[in-house]
């Protein structure tokens, strides 16, 4: 299946994923507070996030940040399993990131 066909098939699947933002470097940013609880409880969020990562790669996005608010800590184990790493703490929120671009990560260490 061509990349374009795959992308066209993924687009309707991610319609329920919360709106994301971009940071100053063009990385996609998802805030846990925007994720509907039913998506987290069903585990569907992680499937949708995987699809969205494929779309972001196709669009040339190089990095993804997930901002986890203190009350959403239950999503941490699954994010770590999916390749997200601890990046920083900002105002009691934990920020995880994942490099999805080609080549080695350009995230600061």
Protein backbone atom coordinates (compact mmCIF):
# COMPACT_ATOMS: atom_id res chain seq x y z
CA UNK A 1 0.00 0.00 0.00
CA UNK A 2 1.41 3.40 -0.91
CA UNK A 3 2.14 5.95 1.80
CA UNK A 4 -0.53 8.28 0.47
CA UNK A 5 -3.20 5.58 0.51
CA UNK A 6 -2.18 4.65 4.08
CA UNK A 7 -2.39 8.29 5.17
CA UNK A 8 -5.82 8.73 3.58
CA UNK A 9 -7.04 5.67 5.47
CA UNK A 10 -5.63 6.95 8.78
CA UNK A 11 -7.08 10.46 8.61
CA UNK A 12 -10.68 9.56 9.54
CA UNK A 13 -9.43 7.31 12.34
CA UNK A 14 -7.83 10.17 14.28
CA UNK A 15 -10.80 12.54 14.19
CA UNK A 16 -11.46 11.82 17.89
CA UNK A 17 -7.91 12.63 18.97
CA UNK A 18 -7.73 15.91 20.89
CA UNK A 19 -6.48 18.97 19.12
CA UNK A 20 -2.73 19.27 19.38
CA UNK A 21 -0.51 22.30 19.27
CA UNK A 22 2.98 22.89 17.94
CA UNK A 23 5.89 24.28 19.91
CA UNK A 24 8.41 26.83 18.65
CA UNK A 25 10.44 24.06 16.98
CA UNK A 26 7.51 22.60 15.04
CA UNK A 27 7.12 19.56 17.30
CA UNK A 28 3.59 18.31 17.91
CA UNK A 29 2.43 18.83 21.49
CA UNK A 30 -0.41 16.87 23.11
CA UNK A 31 -1.66 17.86 26.58
CA UNK A 32 -3.12 15.08 28.70
CA UNK A 33 -5.82 17.41 30.04
CA UNK A 34 -7.29 17.58 26.51
CA UNK A 35 -7.65 13.80 26.19
CA UNK A 36 -11.22 12.66 26.85
CA UNK A 37 -11.22 10.24 29.83
CA UNK A 38 -13.10 7.59 27.84
CA UNK A 39 -10.22 7.44 25.33
CA UNK A 40 -7.72 6.83 28.13
CA UNK A 41 -9.85 4.31 30.01
CA UNK A 42 -10.51 2.25 26.89
CA UNK A 43 -6.86 2.39 25.80
CA UNK A 44 -8.03 3.83 22.49
CA UNK A 45 -5.96 6.98 22.97
CA UNK A 46 -2.72 5.09 22.43
CA UNK A 47 -3.97 3.51 19.20
CA UNK A 48 -5.08 6.92 17.93
CA UNK A 49 -1.79 8.49 19.00
CA UNK A 50 0.07 5.85 16.99
CA UNK A 51 -2.00 6.66 13.92
CA UNK A 52 -1.46 10.38 14.48
CA UNK A 53 2.31 9.86 14.73
CA UNK A 54 2.22 8.23 11.28
CA UNK A 55 0.37 11.26 9.92
CA UNK A 56 2.81 13.66 11.56
CA UNK A 57 5.77 11.80 10.05
CA UNK A 58 4.15 12.09 6.62
CA UNK A 59 3.72 15.83 7.23
CA UNK A 60 7.38 16.23 8.18
CA UNK A 61 6.96 16.66 11.93
CA UNK A 62 10.16 15.56 13.67
CA UNK A 63 9.22 15.39 17.34
CA UNK A 64 6.28 14.79 19.63
CA UNK A 65 5.85 16.08 23.17
CA UNK A 66 3.20 14.81 25.56
CA UNK A 67 2.52 17.05 28.55
CA UNK A 68 1.20 14.90 31.40
CA UNK A 69 -0.73 16.69 34.13
CA UNK A 70 -0.43 15.30 37.69
CA UNK A 71 -3.88 13.69 37.66
CA UNK A 72 -3.13 11.80 34.40
CA UNK A 73 -0.15 9.78 35.62
CA UNK A 74 -1.75 6.48 34.60
CA UNK A 75 -0.78 7.14 30.97
CA UNK A 76 2.96 7.23 31.77
CA UNK A 77 3.71 3.46 31.60
CA UNK A 78 2.15 3.10 28.15
CA UNK A 79 3.89 6.21 26.82
CA UNK A 80 7.23 4.82 28.01
CA UNK A 81 6.49 1.48 26.32
CA UNK A 82 5.83 3.37 23.09
CA UNK A 83 9.22 5.08 23.07
CA UNK A 84 8.50 8.37 24.82
CA UNK A 85 11.17 9.52 27.25
CA UNK A 86 11.19 11.85 30.22
CA UNK A 87 12.24 15.31 29.08
CA UNK A 88 11.47 17.93 31.71
CA UNK A 89 9.09 19.10 34.42
CA UNK A 90 7.24 22.36 33.89
CA UNK A 91 4.89 23.77 36.53
CA UNK A 92 4.18 20.31 38.07
CA UNK A 93 3.59 18.79 34.63
CA UNK A 94 5.82 16.06 33.27
CA UNK A 95 6.86 16.46 29.64
CA UNK A 96 7.78 13.35 27.64
CA UNK A 97 9.12 13.46 24.11
CA UNK A 98 9.77 11.15 21.20
CA UNK A 99 11.82 11.75 18.07
CA UNK A 100 9.93 10.60 14.96
CA UNK A 101 12.12 12.22 12.31
CA UNK A 102 14.71 10.45 10.22
CA UNK A 103 18.16 10.09 11.72
CA UNK A 104 19.29 10.59 15.30
CA UNK A 105 17.25 12.66 17.73
CA UNK A 106 17.90 16.38 17.76
CA UNK A 107 16.20 16.89 21.09
CA UNK A 108 18.43 18.58 23.67
CA UNK A 109 19.88 16.20 26.23
